[in-house]
Protein backbone atom coordinates (compact mmCIF):
# COMPACT_ATOMS: atom_id res chain seq x y z
CA MET A 1 216.32 133.93 106.08
CA PRO A 2 214.21 130.71 105.80
CA GLN A 3 213.38 131.05 109.56
CA PHE A 4 212.12 134.46 109.03
CA PHE A 5 209.75 133.35 106.13
CA SER A 6 208.54 130.52 108.32
CA ASN A 7 207.67 133.00 111.17
CA LYS A 8 205.89 135.22 108.66
CA LYS A 9 203.68 132.48 107.57
CA LEU A 10 202.83 131.80 111.13
CA ILE A 11 202.02 135.37 111.76
CA VAL A 12 199.67 135.56 108.67
CA LEU A 13 197.92 132.46 109.86
CA LEU A 14 197.41 133.77 113.35
CA VAL A 15 196.09 137.17 112.03
CA SER A 16 193.58 135.35 109.75
CA ILE A 17 192.33 133.26 112.61
CA ILE A 18 191.87 136.32 114.64
CA LEU A 19 189.96 138.14 111.96
CA LEU A 20 187.86 135.11 111.24
CA VAL A 21 186.89 134.87 114.91
CA ALA A 22 186.24 138.55 115.07
CA LEU A 23 183.91 138.25 112.01
CA ILE A 24 182.00 135.27 113.58
CA GLY A 25 181.56 137.24 116.70
CA ILE A 26 180.30 140.23 114.96
CA SER A 27 177.81 138.16 112.88
CA MET A 28 176.55 136.23 115.85
CA ARG A 29 175.77 139.15 118.05
CA ASP A 30 172.35 140.84 118.01
CA ARG A 31 172.15 143.72 115.50
CA GLU A 32 169.49 145.92 114.13
CA GLN A 33 171.12 146.22 110.77
CA LEU A 34 173.19 143.99 108.51
CA THR A 35 176.57 144.98 107.39
CA LEU A 36 176.99 146.19 103.88
CA PRO A 37 178.66 142.98 102.73
CA GLU A 38 175.86 140.92 104.25
CA GLN A 39 173.30 143.11 102.58
CA PHE A 40 175.04 142.81 99.14
CA ILE A 41 175.29 139.05 99.42
CA MET A 42 171.61 138.62 100.58
CA ASP A 43 170.31 140.87 97.74
CA SER A 44 172.44 139.17 95.25
CA VAL A 45 171.31 135.67 96.36
CA GLY A 46 167.64 136.78 96.47
CA TRP A 47 167.86 138.20 92.95
CA VAL A 48 169.33 134.99 91.48
CA GLN A 49 166.66 133.05 93.33
CA SER A 50 163.84 135.16 91.92
CA LEU A 51 165.19 134.47 88.42
CA PHE A 52 164.60 130.77 88.92
CA TYR A 53 161.55 130.96 91.15
CA GLN A 54 159.12 132.81 88.87
CA PRO A 55 159.61 130.51 85.88
CA ALA A 56 159.44 127.56 88.07
CA GLN A 57 156.12 128.67 89.45
CA LEU A 58 154.79 129.29 86.03
CA VAL A 59 155.80 125.81 84.87
CA ALA A 60 154.36 124.32 87.95
CA GLY A 61 151.10 126.27 87.55
CA PHE A 62 150.81 125.24 84.02
CA PHE A 63 150.95 121.54 84.73
CA GLU A 64 148.55 122.03 87.67
CA ASN A 65 146.15 123.77 85.28
CA VAL A 66 146.43 120.90 82.75
CA GLU A 67 145.69 118.36 85.56
CA GLU A 68 142.79 120.44 86.69
CA ILE A 69 141.39 120.65 83.19
CA LYS A 70 141.82 116.93 82.75
CA TYR A 71 140.00 116.33 86.03
CA VAL A 72 137.14 118.72 85.10
CA TYR A 73 136.83 116.92 81.74
CA GLU A 74 136.50 113.53 83.38
CA GLU A 75 134.02 114.85 85.88
CA ASN A 76 132.00 116.52 83.25
CA LYS A 77 131.98 113.35 81.24
CA LEU A 78 130.79 111.32 84.26
CA LEU A 79 128.15 113.80 85.03
CA LYS A 80 126.79 113.69 81.46
CA SER A 81 126.59 109.99 81.45
CA ARG A 82 124.71 110.02 84.76
CA LEU A 83 122.40 112.65 83.24
CA GLU A 84 121.64 110.43 80.21
CA ASP A 85 121.06 107.47 82.63
CA PHE A 86 118.74 109.75 84.69
CA VAL A 87 116.79 110.73 81.67
CA LYS A 88 116.49 107.10 80.48
CA ILE A 89 115.40 106.12 84.01
CA SER A 90 112.84 109.00 84.18
CA VAL A 91 111.34 107.85 80.83
CA GLU A 92 111.12 104.21 81.88
CA ALA A 93 109.66 105.23 85.16
CA ASN A 94 106.97 107.31 83.46
CA GLN A 95 106.23 104.40 81.02
CA LEU A 96 105.95 102.00 83.92
CA ARG A 97 103.77 104.29 85.92
CA SER A 98 101.55 104.69 83.01
CA GLU A 99 101.39 100.97 82.34
CA ASN A 100 100.77 100.21 85.99
CA LYS A 101 97.82 102.63 86.13
CA ARG A 102 96.30 101.01 82.99
CA LEU A 103 96.77 97.59 84.58
CA MET A 104 95.25 98.62 87.86
CA GLU A 105 92.31 99.97 85.91
CA LEU A 106 91.94 96.74 83.92
CA ILE A 107 91.92 94.87 87.32
CA GLY A 108 89.19 97.17 88.58
CA LYS A 109 87.27 96.61 85.18
CA GLU A 110 87.82 92.87 85.58
CA ASN A 111 86.19 92.84 88.99
CA SER A 112 83.15 94.71 87.58
CA LEU A 113 82.78 92.23 84.76
CA ARG A 114 83.19 89.04 86.75
CA ASN A 115 80.14 87.40 85.14
CA TYR A 116 82.07 87.18 81.89
CA VAL A 117 85.09 85.37 80.66
CA ILE A 118 87.84 87.94 80.31
CA ARG A 119 91.02 87.23 78.39
CA HIS A 120 93.79 89.76 78.57
CA ALA A 121 95.94 90.53 75.53
CA SER A 122 98.55 92.89 74.42
CA VAL A 123 98.79 94.76 71.13
CA ILE A 124 101.49 93.53 68.89
CA ALA A 125 100.99 95.31 65.58
CA ARG A 126 99.20 98.28 64.18
CA THR A 127 99.94 99.28 60.58
CA PRO A 128 100.05 102.94 59.60
CA ASP A 129 97.66 102.52 56.65
CA GLY A 130 95.06 100.82 58.87
CA TRP A 131 95.62 102.88 62.04
CA HIS A 132 91.99 103.93 62.38
CA SER A 133 90.64 100.57 61.46
CA PHE A 134 92.57 97.49 62.83
CA PHE A 135 95.26 96.25 65.30
CA THR A 136 96.61 92.83 66.09
CA ILE A 137 96.65 91.22 69.58
CA ASN A 138 98.71 88.25 70.86
CA ILE A 139 95.95 85.82 71.57
CA GLY A 140 93.88 83.67 69.20
CA ALA A 141 91.90 80.54 68.69
CA GLN A 142 94.22 78.58 70.89
CA ASP A 143 93.14 80.95 73.73
CA GLY A 144 89.44 80.59 73.03
CA VAL A 145 88.99 83.81 71.01
CA THR A 146 86.24 83.77 68.32
CA ALA A 147 85.07 86.33 65.88
CA LYS A 148 82.82 89.29 66.90
CA MET A 149 83.80 89.12 70.56
CA ALA A 150 83.94 92.47 72.30
CA VAL A 151 87.26 94.12 72.94
CA ILE A 152 87.61 96.81 75.59
CA THR A 153 90.14 98.82 77.57
CA ALA A 154 89.74 100.09 81.08
CA GLU A 155 87.97 103.11 79.65
CA GLY A 156 85.36 101.45 77.52
CA LEU A 157 84.58 99.63 74.24
CA ILE A 158 87.06 99.97 71.36
CA GLY A 159 85.97 97.35 68.90
CA LYS A 160 85.41 93.65 68.15
CA ILE A 161 87.32 90.66 66.91
CA LYS A 162 87.42 90.65 63.04
CA ASP A 163 89.67 87.67 62.24
CA VAL A 164 91.15 84.86 64.29
CA SER A 165 94.30 82.78 63.72
CA PRO A 166 95.65 80.15 66.12
CA PHE A 167 97.94 82.59 68.11
CA SER A 168 96.73 86.06 67.20
CA SER A 169 93.60 87.95 66.35
CA THR A 170 92.66 91.09 64.40
CA VAL A 171 90.63 93.66 66.08
CA GLN A 172 88.28 96.03 64.18
CA ILE A 173 88.10 99.48 65.77
CA LEU A 174 84.78 101.36 66.16
CA THR A 175 86.32 104.06 63.99
CA ASP A 176 86.53 101.72 60.90
CA VAL A 177 84.14 102.95 58.12
CA ASP A 178 83.20 99.43 57.05
CA ARG A 179 79.27 99.32 56.77
CA THR A 180 79.21 96.12 58.76
CA ASN A 181 81.00 97.75 61.68
CA ARG A 182 77.99 98.42 63.87
CA ILE A 183 77.23 97.85 67.50
CA SER A 184 73.75 97.53 69.04
CA ALA A 185 73.69 100.11 71.76
CA ILE A 186 71.28 101.67 74.42
CA VAL A 187 71.31 104.81 76.28
CA ASP A 188 71.81 104.03 80.01
CA GLY A 189 68.69 105.51 81.83
CA ASP A 190 65.20 104.96 82.82
CA GLU A 191 63.80 105.28 79.28
CA ALA A 192 65.12 102.67 76.86
CA ALA A 193 66.59 104.19 73.79
CA PHE A 194 68.02 101.54 71.45
CA GLY A 195 69.93 102.29 68.28
CA LEU A 196 73.14 101.31 66.40
CA ILE A 197 76.70 102.58 66.65
CA GLU A 198 77.63 102.83 62.90
CA GLY A 199 79.88 105.43 61.63
CA TYR A 200 82.59 107.73 62.74
CA ASP A 201 83.33 111.38 62.14
CA PRO A 202 87.14 111.79 61.70
CA GLU A 203 86.97 115.57 61.98
CA SER A 204 85.23 115.67 65.39
CA LYS A 205 86.57 112.17 66.37
CA LYS A 206 83.12 111.12 67.55
CA LEU A 207 80.91 108.03 66.94
CA LEU A 208 77.43 108.13 65.30
CA PHE A 209 74.65 106.66 67.16
CA LYS A 210 71.89 106.09 64.61
CA LYS A 211 68.29 104.74 64.21
CA ILE A 212 67.03 106.05 67.55
CA PRO A 213 63.28 106.48 67.60
CA SER A 214 62.29 110.09 67.16
CA ASP A 215 59.66 110.04 70.14
CA ILE A 216 62.48 109.30 72.67
CA THR A 217 63.97 112.29 74.42
CA LEU A 218 67.78 112.14 74.53
CA GLU A 219 69.79 114.13 76.98
CA VAL A 220 73.36 115.44 76.37
CA GLY A 221 75.70 113.90 78.67
CA ALA A 222 73.72 110.49 78.75
CA THR A 223 75.95 107.33 78.71
CA VAL A 224 75.72 105.07 75.84
CA VAL A 225 76.37 101.28 76.48
CA THR A 226 76.18 98.02 74.57
CA SER A 227 72.70 96.61 74.61
CA GLY A 228 73.64 92.78 74.76
CA LEU A 229 70.77 92.08 72.08
CA GLY A 230 73.30 90.53 69.66
CA GLY A 231 73.97 87.50 71.87
CA ILE A 232 77.77 87.92 71.93
CA PHE A 233 78.38 91.33 73.42
CA PRO A 234 77.45 91.56 77.13
CA ARG A 235 75.13 94.45 78.08
CA GLY A 236 76.54 97.43 79.80
CA LEU A 237 79.94 97.89 78.17
CA VAL A 238 80.63 101.61 78.10
CA ILE A 239 80.84 103.19 74.75
CA GLY A 240 80.74 106.91 75.45
CA SER A 241 78.46 109.84 76.22
CA ILE A 242 76.17 111.91 74.09
CA THR A 243 77.40 115.38 73.09
CA GLU A 244 74.66 116.40 70.49
CA VAL A 245 71.36 115.09 69.18
CA ARG A 246 70.25 115.57 65.50
CA ALA A 247 67.18 114.55 63.50
CA ASP A 248 67.90 112.29 60.46
CA GLU A 249 67.05 113.56 56.88
CA TYR A 250 63.69 111.82 56.94
CA GLY A 251 62.55 112.74 60.43
CA ALA A 252 61.57 109.14 61.31
CA THR A 253 64.47 108.64 63.60
CA GLN A 254 67.19 110.72 65.26
CA MET A 255 70.97 110.41 65.68
CA ALA A 256 73.29 111.26 68.58
CA ILE A 257 76.87 112.28 68.48
CA VAL A 258 78.79 110.20 70.92
CA GLU A 259 82.16 111.16 72.54
CA PRO A 260 84.06 107.74 72.85
CA SER A 261 85.11 106.79 76.40
CA ALA A 262 88.11 104.86 75.14
CA ASN A 263 91.27 106.13 73.59
CA PHE A 264 91.60 104.57 70.07
CA TYR A 265 95.10 105.83 69.41
CA ASP A 266 97.06 104.94 72.65
CA ILE A 267 96.26 101.23 73.06
CA ASP A 268 98.67 98.61 74.45
CA HIS A 269 96.63 96.30 76.74
CA VAL A 270 93.08 95.18 76.02
CA MET A 271 90.54 92.67 77.30
CA VAL A 272 88.59 90.24 75.11
CA ILE A 273 85.13 89.77 76.56
CA GLU A 274 83.10 86.52 76.15
CA ARG A 275 79.74 86.00 77.69
CA GLU A 276 79.59 82.76 79.83
CA ILE A 277 76.22 81.77 77.92
CA ASN A 278 76.30 82.74 74.29
CA GLY A 279 73.19 83.02 72.22
CA ALA A 280 72.83 83.01 68.52
CA VAL A 281 75.27 85.14 66.56
CA GLU A 282 73.54 88.01 64.93
CA GLU A 283 74.80 90.46 62.17
CA THR A 284 74.67 93.29 64.75
CA GLN A 285 75.99 93.06 68.25
């Protein structure tokens, strides 16, 4: 009896091996279709994989989006900082370009005024209440500046020295309404037409050229310059051009309206002019 069961186990083992080899052979041979068990197993495994794959993809995509948003934020921040730097550089470049142009014009004006002592200066103060009357420059008595010297820009005359301290000076602008603020002037042309620049019209922003003899013919567009008769101002500093001619109230003289050549508002660099040989200082320059 024990021998029979022992033979039976052996027979079952051999049959199992035969079936296993047969299944392996069947699975390894070329077939156009899978068997039903293989199809069932493949479908089952694929379904289980799909359950885990889609959530995993969603989670992975979420973290990728977060990382991408972070990268875009950092990139946007960098671009904004560079844009701000570009705006600052652009503003500085425009300011330097404008300043360079003015300095080049000053150099050209210096060459044309080589017979006079020229002192370059920068505007350091301009109070709001005296905006149309005065400003302060950074040179004074220690630099050889004295009262009533002419002050010009590259465009033309803007005023004269009013007060002087050791290291700074106050410039009185031509637009100041002070009655003593007058400049001896002449029309640049063949016929001498002397007069005084005294007064300013704030509405038209033009200078008043008064006390011109009525028998002299003035042309619109003629250039008005300093006459040099005062002994301190040199002759030939450009003041402006005539835009209109009027008779005074008594008819004895006439008055011209003069468009200033210089800009009285945008001032940063100026030149103080001193004649090489000064004459007597008169009340009018």
